[in-house]
Amino acid sequence: MPFLTWTNEYSVNVREIDAQHRKLMDMINRLYDAMREGRGAQATGQVLRELIDYTRAHFAYEERLLSQHGYPEFPGHKSEHDRLARKVTEFQQKFAAGNTMLALDLSKFLKDWLTTHILGTDKKYAAFLNGRGVA
């Protein structure tokens, strides 16, 4: 049974962004499953590698879209992305330094990211982008 299940509550009504957010949810669920099976330390490295790639690609896509359409809260949104990317880098550095027991902290961070950033910050731009024909 998944830790998190996609519902319309998470949707920002932009297909590509929703697909990217689902990918994040999949990462969280894989890490959670691995922890339940006693493989959290092994899964952490893989999830972190994917997360680094994910944040670069997802944030670049979202920021480009928001900038192109003149989203008025773009500077604050970008700052939040930068803060989240720094946090992911911190996790990666801790893991590379030999701290392999990060699975629980990482899963809590990812769940918080999903609920706080997507359900809070990202939801704010949904109507804005939809109003400009982005779906």
N, C-alpha and C. Protein backbone atom coordinates (compact mmCIF):
# COMPACT_ATOMS: atom_id res chain seq x y z
N MET A 1 0.85 -1.18 0.00
CA MET A 1 0.00 0.00 0.00
C MET A 1 0.89 1.24 0.00
N PRO A 2 0.62 2.21 -0.89
CA PRO A 2 1.48 3.39 -0.97
C PRO A 2 1.35 4.28 0.26
N PHE A 3 2.42 4.98 0.55
CA PHE A 3 2.48 5.94 1.63
C PHE A 3 1.60 7.15 1.29
N LEU A 4 1.70 7.58 0.03
CA LEU A 4 0.90 8.69 -0.48
C LEU A 4 0.21 8.25 -1.76
N THR A 5 -1.01 8.71 -1.94
CA THR A 5 -1.77 8.39 -3.14
C THR A 5 -2.18 9.68 -3.82
N TRP A 6 -1.96 9.74 -5.13
CA TRP A 6 -2.32 10.93 -5.90
C TRP A 6 -3.83 11.09 -5.90
N THR A 7 -4.27 12.30 -5.60
CA THR A 7 -5.68 12.67 -5.72
C THR A 7 -5.74 14.03 -6.41
N ASN A 8 -6.91 14.43 -6.81
CA ASN A 8 -7.07 15.73 -7.46
C ASN A 8 -6.66 16.89 -6.55
N GLU A 9 -6.63 16.65 -5.27
CA GLU A 9 -6.19 17.68 -4.32
C GLU A 9 -4.80 18.19 -4.68
N TYR A 10 -3.95 17.31 -5.21
CA TYR A 10 -2.57 17.68 -5.55
C TYR A 10 -2.45 18.35 -6.92
N SER A 11 -3.47 18.28 -7.72
CA SER A 11 -3.39 18.79 -9.08
C SER A 11 -3.35 20.31 -9.12
N VAL A 12 -2.47 20.83 -10.01
CA VAL A 12 -2.44 22.26 -10.29
C VAL A 12 -3.07 22.54 -11.66
N ASN A 13 -3.68 21.50 -12.24
CA ASN A 13 -4.40 21.61 -13.51
C ASN A 13 -3.49 22.02 -14.67
N VAL A 14 -2.23 21.63 -14.58
CA VAL A 14 -1.28 21.77 -15.68
C VAL A 14 -0.69 20.38 -15.87
N ARG A 15 -1.02 19.75 -16.98
CA ARG A 15 -0.67 18.33 -17.20
C ARG A 15 0.78 18.00 -16.90
N GLU A 16 1.71 18.74 -17.49
CA GLU A 16 3.13 18.43 -17.34
C GLU A 16 3.58 18.58 -15.89
N ILE A 17 3.13 19.61 -15.22
CA ILE A 17 3.52 19.81 -13.82
C ILE A 17 2.90 18.73 -12.94
N ASP A 18 1.65 18.37 -13.19
CA ASP A 18 1.04 17.28 -12.43
C ASP A 18 1.82 15.98 -12.63
N ALA A 19 2.25 15.71 -13.86
CA ALA A 19 3.02 14.50 -14.13
C ALA A 19 4.35 14.53 -13.36
N GLN A 20 4.98 15.68 -13.31
CA GLN A 20 6.23 15.81 -12.57
C GLN A 20 5.99 15.64 -11.07
N HIS A 21 4.91 16.18 -10.57
CA HIS A 21 4.59 16.03 -9.14
C HIS A 21 4.29 14.57 -8.81
N ARG A 22 3.67 13.87 -9.73
CA ARG A 22 3.42 12.43 -9.52
C ARG A 22 4.74 11.67 -9.42
N LYS A 23 5.71 12.10 -10.21
CA LYS A 23 7.04 11.47 -10.15
C LYS A 23 7.64 11.65 -8.76
N LEU A 24 7.47 12.84 -8.18
CA LEU A 24 7.96 13.08 -6.82
C LEU A 24 7.24 12.15 -5.84
N MET A 25 5.93 12.01 -6.01
CA MET A 25 5.17 11.13 -5.14
C MET A 25 5.66 9.68 -5.28
N ASP A 26 5.98 9.27 -6.49
CA ASP A 26 6.52 7.92 -6.70
C ASP A 26 7.84 7.74 -5.95
N MET A 27 8.70 8.76 -5.98
CA MET A 27 9.97 8.68 -5.26
C MET A 27 9.73 8.51 -3.76
N ILE A 28 8.80 9.27 -3.23
CA ILE A 28 8.47 9.19 -1.81
C ILE A 28 7.97 7.79 -1.48
N ASN A 29 7.09 7.26 -2.31
CA ASN A 29 6.54 5.92 -2.07
C ASN A 29 7.61 4.84 -2.18
N ARG A 30 8.52 4.95 -3.12
CA ARG A 30 9.59 3.96 -3.24
C ARG A 30 10.50 3.99 -2.02
N LEU A 31 10.81 5.19 -1.53
CA LEU A 31 11.65 5.31 -0.34
C LEU A 31 10.93 4.72 0.87
N TYR A 32 9.66 5.01 1.00
CA TYR A 32 8.86 4.49 2.11
C TYR A 32 8.81 2.96 2.07
N ASP A 33 8.55 2.42 0.87
CA ASP A 33 8.52 0.95 0.73
C ASP A 33 9.86 0.33 1.10
N ALA A 34 10.93 0.95 0.66
CA ALA A 34 12.26 0.43 0.97
C ALA A 34 12.52 0.47 2.47
N MET A 35 12.09 1.52 3.15
CA MET A 35 12.27 1.60 4.60
C MET A 35 11.48 0.49 5.29
N ARG A 36 10.26 0.24 4.84
CA ARG A 36 9.45 -0.82 5.43
C ARG A 36 10.08 -2.19 5.25
N GLU A 37 10.82 -2.35 4.17
CA GLU A 37 11.47 -3.63 3.88
C GLU A 37 12.89 -3.70 4.42
N GLY A 38 13.31 -2.67 5.17
CA GLY A 38 14.65 -2.67 5.74
C GLY A 38 15.75 -2.31 4.77
N ARG A 39 15.37 -1.68 3.65
CA ARG A 39 16.35 -1.29 2.64
C ARG A 39 16.46 0.22 2.51
N GLY A 40 16.12 0.96 3.56
CA GLY A 40 16.11 2.41 3.50
C GLY A 40 17.45 3.02 3.15
N ALA A 41 18.53 2.50 3.76
CA ALA A 41 19.86 3.05 3.49
C ALA A 41 20.24 2.87 2.03
N GLN A 42 19.95 1.69 1.46
CA GLN A 42 20.29 1.44 0.07
C GLN A 42 19.47 2.31 -0.88
N ALA A 43 18.21 2.48 -0.58
CA ALA A 43 17.31 3.25 -1.45
C ALA A 43 17.59 4.74 -1.39
N THR A 44 18.13 5.22 -0.28
CA THR A 44 18.36 6.66 -0.11
C THR A 44 19.26 7.21 -1.20
N GLY A 45 20.35 6.52 -1.50
CA GLY A 45 21.27 7.00 -2.53
C GLY A 45 20.61 7.14 -3.88
N GLN A 46 19.84 6.14 -4.27
CA GLN A 46 19.15 6.18 -5.56
C GLN A 46 18.12 7.31 -5.58
N VAL A 47 17.34 7.43 -4.53
CA VAL A 47 16.32 8.48 -4.48
C VAL A 47 16.98 9.85 -4.51
N LEU A 48 18.09 10.02 -3.80
CA LEU A 48 18.78 11.31 -3.83
C LEU A 48 19.28 11.66 -5.22
N ARG A 49 19.83 10.69 -5.93
CA ARG A 49 20.30 10.95 -7.31
C ARG A 49 19.13 11.38 -8.18
N GLU A 50 18.02 10.68 -8.07
CA GLU A 50 16.83 11.03 -8.85
C GLU A 50 16.30 12.40 -8.43
N LEU A 51 16.35 12.67 -7.15
CA LEU A 51 15.83 13.94 -6.63
C LEU A 51 16.64 15.13 -7.12
N ILE A 52 17.95 14.98 -7.21
CA ILE A 52 18.79 16.04 -7.75
C ILE A 52 18.38 16.34 -9.19
N ASP A 53 18.25 15.30 -10.00
CA ASP A 53 17.81 15.49 -11.40
C ASP A 53 16.41 16.06 -11.46
N TYR A 54 15.53 15.55 -10.60
CA TYR A 54 14.14 16.00 -10.58
C TYR A 54 14.05 17.49 -10.27
N THR A 55 14.74 17.92 -9.22
CA THR A 55 14.63 19.33 -8.83
C THR A 55 15.15 20.25 -9.94
N ARG A 56 16.25 19.87 -10.56
CA ARG A 56 16.78 20.71 -11.65
C ARG A 56 15.77 20.82 -12.79
N ALA A 57 15.28 19.69 -13.26
CA ALA A 57 14.37 19.69 -14.41
C ALA A 57 13.01 20.31 -14.05
N HIS A 58 12.45 19.90 -12.92
CA HIS A 58 11.12 20.39 -12.55
C HIS A 58 11.13 21.88 -12.27
N PHE A 59 12.09 22.33 -11.47
CA PHE A 59 12.13 23.76 -11.14
C PHE A 59 12.39 24.60 -12.39
N ALA A 60 13.27 24.14 -13.26
CA ALA A 60 13.54 24.89 -14.50
C ALA A 60 12.28 25.00 -15.34
N TYR A 61 11.55 23.90 -15.48
CA TYR A 61 10.31 23.92 -16.27
C TYR A 61 9.29 24.87 -15.66
N GLU A 62 9.06 24.70 -14.38
CA GLU A 62 8.05 25.51 -13.70
C GLU A 62 8.43 27.00 -13.72
N GLU A 63 9.69 27.29 -13.45
CA GLU A 63 10.14 28.69 -13.44
C GLU A 63 10.04 29.32 -14.82
N ARG A 64 10.38 28.58 -15.85
CA ARG A 64 10.27 29.09 -17.22
C ARG A 64 8.81 29.42 -17.54
N LEU A 65 7.91 28.54 -17.17
CA LEU A 65 6.49 28.75 -17.41
C LEU A 65 5.97 29.97 -16.66
N LEU A 66 6.31 30.07 -15.40
CA LEU A 66 5.85 31.19 -14.58
C LEU A 66 6.42 32.51 -15.08
N SER A 67 7.67 32.49 -15.47
CA SER A 67 8.31 33.70 -15.98
C SER A 67 7.71 34.13 -17.32
N GLN A 68 7.51 33.19 -18.22
CA GLN A 68 6.93 33.48 -19.54
C GLN A 68 5.56 34.15 -19.42
N HIS A 69 4.80 33.74 -18.43
CA HIS A 69 3.44 34.26 -18.28
C HIS A 69 3.33 35.41 -17.29
N GLY A 70 4.47 35.87 -16.78
CA GLY A 70 4.48 37.04 -15.91
C GLY A 70 3.82 36.82 -14.56
N TYR A 71 4.01 35.64 -13.99
CA TYR A 71 3.40 35.34 -12.69
C TYR A 71 3.91 36.35 -11.66
N PRO A 72 3.01 37.11 -11.02
CA PRO A 72 3.44 38.19 -10.12
C PRO A 72 4.19 37.73 -8.87
N GLU A 73 3.98 36.49 -8.45
CA GLU A 73 4.67 35.99 -7.26
C GLU A 73 5.90 35.16 -7.61
N PHE A 74 6.39 35.33 -8.85
CA PHE A 74 7.52 34.54 -9.31
C PHE A 74 8.77 34.69 -8.44
N PRO A 75 9.18 35.90 -8.05
CA PRO A 75 10.42 36.00 -7.26
C PRO A 75 10.36 35.19 -5.96
N GLY A 76 9.27 35.23 -5.25
CA GLY A 76 9.13 34.46 -4.02
C GLY A 76 9.09 32.97 -4.29
N HIS A 77 8.44 32.59 -5.38
CA HIS A 77 8.35 31.18 -5.76
C HIS A 77 9.75 30.65 -6.10
N LYS A 78 10.50 31.44 -6.84
CA LYS A 78 11.86 31.05 -7.21
C LYS A 78 12.72 30.92 -5.96
N SER A 79 12.58 31.82 -5.01
CA SER A 79 13.33 31.74 -3.76
C SER A 79 13.03 30.45 -3.01
N GLU A 80 11.78 30.05 -3.03
CA GLU A 80 11.41 28.81 -2.36
C GLU A 80 12.04 27.61 -3.07
N HIS A 81 12.05 27.64 -4.40
CA HIS A 81 12.71 26.58 -5.15
C HIS A 81 14.20 26.51 -4.79
N ASP A 82 14.83 27.67 -4.71
CA ASP A 82 16.26 27.70 -4.38
C ASP A 82 16.51 27.10 -3.00
N ARG A 83 15.64 27.41 -2.05
CA ARG A 83 15.77 26.87 -0.70
C ARG A 83 15.59 25.35 -0.70
N LEU A 84 14.61 24.86 -1.44
CA LEU A 84 14.37 23.42 -1.52
C LEU A 84 15.54 22.71 -2.20
N ALA A 85 16.09 23.32 -3.24
CA ALA A 85 17.24 22.72 -3.94
C ALA A 85 18.46 22.65 -3.01
N ARG A 86 18.66 23.69 -2.21
CA ARG A 86 19.78 23.67 -1.24
C ARG A 86 19.60 22.54 -0.24
N LYS A 87 18.38 22.32 0.20
CA LYS A 87 18.10 21.26 1.16
C LYS A 87 18.39 19.88 0.55
N VAL A 88 18.01 19.68 -0.70
CA VAL A 88 18.31 18.42 -1.38
C VAL A 88 19.82 18.23 -1.48
N THR A 89 20.55 19.29 -1.80
CA THR A 89 22.01 19.23 -1.87
C THR A 89 22.61 18.88 -0.51
N GLU A 90 22.05 19.42 0.55
CA GLU A 90 22.52 19.09 1.91
C GLU A 90 22.34 17.60 2.19
N PHE A 91 21.20 17.05 1.82
CA PHE A 91 20.97 15.61 2.00
C PHE A 91 22.01 14.81 1.22
N GLN A 92 22.25 15.22 -0.02
CA GLN A 92 23.22 14.52 -0.87
C GLN A 92 24.62 14.57 -0.25
N GLN A 93 25.00 15.73 0.28
CA GLN A 93 26.32 15.87 0.90
C GLN A 93 26.46 15.00 2.14
N LYS A 94 25.41 14.95 2.95
CA LYS A 94 25.44 14.10 4.15
C LYS A 94 25.56 12.62 3.76
N PHE A 95 24.83 12.24 2.72
CA PHE A 95 24.90 10.85 2.26
C PHE A 95 26.29 10.53 1.73
N ALA A 96 26.86 11.44 0.93
CA ALA A 96 28.19 11.23 0.36
C ALA A 96 29.26 11.17 1.45
N ALA A 97 29.01 11.85 2.57
CA ALA A 97 29.96 11.85 3.68
C ALA A 97 29.84 10.59 4.53
N GLY A 98 28.93 9.70 4.17
CA GLY A 98 28.82 8.43 4.88
C GLY A 98 27.62 8.28 5.77
N ASN A 99 26.78 9.29 5.86
CA ASN A 99 25.57 9.19 6.67
C ASN A 99 24.49 8.49 5.84
N THR A 100 24.41 7.19 5.97
CA THR A 100 23.46 6.41 5.18
C THR A 100 22.12 6.24 5.88
N MET A 101 21.97 6.79 7.05
CA MET A 101 20.73 6.62 7.82
C MET A 101 19.82 7.84 7.66
N LEU A 102 19.69 8.31 6.43
CA LEU A 102 18.90 9.51 6.15
C LEU A 102 17.49 9.22 5.65
N ALA A 103 17.15 7.97 5.47
CA ALA A 103 15.89 7.62 4.82
C ALA A 103 14.68 8.25 5.51
N LEU A 104 14.62 8.17 6.81
CA LEU A 104 13.47 8.71 7.54
C LEU A 104 13.41 10.24 7.40
N ASP A 105 14.55 10.90 7.61
CA ASP A 105 14.58 12.36 7.46
C ASP A 105 14.23 12.78 6.04
N LEU A 106 14.77 12.05 5.08
CA LEU A 106 14.49 12.38 3.68
C LEU A 106 13.02 12.17 3.36
N SER A 107 12.44 11.09 3.83
CA SER A 107 11.01 10.85 3.54
C SER A 107 10.13 11.91 4.20
N LYS A 108 10.49 12.33 5.42
CA LYS A 108 9.73 13.41 6.07
C LYS A 108 9.86 14.71 5.29
N PHE A 109 11.08 15.02 4.84
CA PHE A 109 11.31 16.23 4.04
C PHE A 109 10.48 16.19 2.77
N LEU A 110 10.49 15.06 2.06
CA LEU A 110 9.76 14.96 0.81
C LEU A 110 8.25 15.07 1.01
N LYS A 111 7.76 14.44 2.06
CA LYS A 111 6.32 14.54 2.34
C LYS A 111 5.94 15.99 2.67
N ASP A 112 6.78 16.66 3.46
CA ASP A 112 6.53 18.06 3.79
C ASP A 112 6.57 18.92 2.53
N TRP A 113 7.54 18.64 1.66
CA TRP A 113 7.65 19.36 0.40
C TRP A 113 6.37 19.19 -0.39
N LEU A 114 5.92 17.98 -0.49
CA LEU A 114 4.71 17.70 -1.26
C LEU A 114 3.52 18.46 -0.69
N THR A 115 3.34 18.38 0.61
CA THR A 115 2.16 19.01 1.19
C THR A 115 2.28 20.52 1.31
N THR A 116 3.45 21.01 1.69
CA THR A 116 3.61 22.45 1.88
C THR A 116 3.80 23.19 0.57
N HIS A 117 4.75 22.73 -0.23
CA HIS A 117 5.06 23.46 -1.46
C HIS A 117 3.99 23.26 -2.52
N ILE A 118 3.64 22.03 -2.79
CA ILE A 118 2.68 21.79 -3.87
C ILE A 118 1.27 22.22 -3.47
N LEU A 119 0.82 21.80 -2.30
CA LEU A 119 -0.55 22.15 -1.90
C LEU A 119 -0.68 23.61 -1.49
N GLY A 120 0.42 24.24 -1.14
CA GLY A 120 0.38 25.65 -0.75
C GLY A 120 0.84 26.55 -1.87
N THR A 121 2.14 26.58 -2.09
CA THR A 121 2.76 27.51 -3.03
C THR A 121 2.34 27.25 -4.48
N ASP A 122 2.43 26.00 -4.93
CA ASP A 122 2.11 25.71 -6.33
C ASP A 122 0.63 25.90 -6.64
N LYS A 123 -0.23 25.57 -5.71
CA LYS A 123 -1.67 25.73 -5.95
C LYS A 123 -2.02 27.20 -6.25
N LYS A 124 -1.21 28.13 -5.72
CA LYS A 124 -1.49 29.55 -5.94
C LYS A 124 -1.39 29.94 -7.41
N TYR A 125 -0.52 29.29 -8.17
CA TYR A 125 -0.38 29.68 -9.57
C TYR A 125 -1.34 28.94 -10.50
N ALA A 126 -2.03 27.95 -10.01
CA ALA A 126 -2.89 27.13 -10.88
C ALA A 126 -3.90 27.99 -11.65
N ALA A 127 -4.69 28.77 -10.98
CA ALA A 127 -5.71 29.58 -11.65
C ALA A 127 -5.06 30.62 -12.56
N PHE A 128 -3.92 31.16 -12.12
CA PHE A 128 -3.21 32.14 -12.93
C PHE A 128 -2.82 31.54 -14.28
N LEU A 129 -2.15 30.37 -14.25
CA LEU A 129 -1.72 29.75 -15.51
C LEU A 129 -2.91 29.25 -16.33
N ASN A 130 -3.89 28.67 -15.66
CA ASN A 130 -5.08 28.20 -16.38
C ASN A 130 -5.77 29.37 -17.08
N GLY A 131 -5.80 30.52 -16.44
CA GLY A 131 -6.41 31.71 -17.02
C GLY A 131 -5.67 32.23 -18.25
N ARG A 132 -4.44 31.79 -18.41
CA ARG A 132 -3.63 32.17 -19.57
C ARG A 132 -3.56 31.04 -20.59
N GLY A 133 -4.43 30.06 -20.44
CA GLY A 133 -4.53 28.99 -21.41
C GLY A 133 -3.58 27.83 -21.21
N VAL A 134 -2.87 27.81 -20.08
CA VAL A 134 -1.93 26.72 -19.81
C VAL A 134 -2.70 25.61 -19.09
N ALA A 135 -2.68 24.44 -19.68
CA ALA A 135 -3.41 23.31 -19.07
C ALA A 135 -2.61 22.05 -19.14
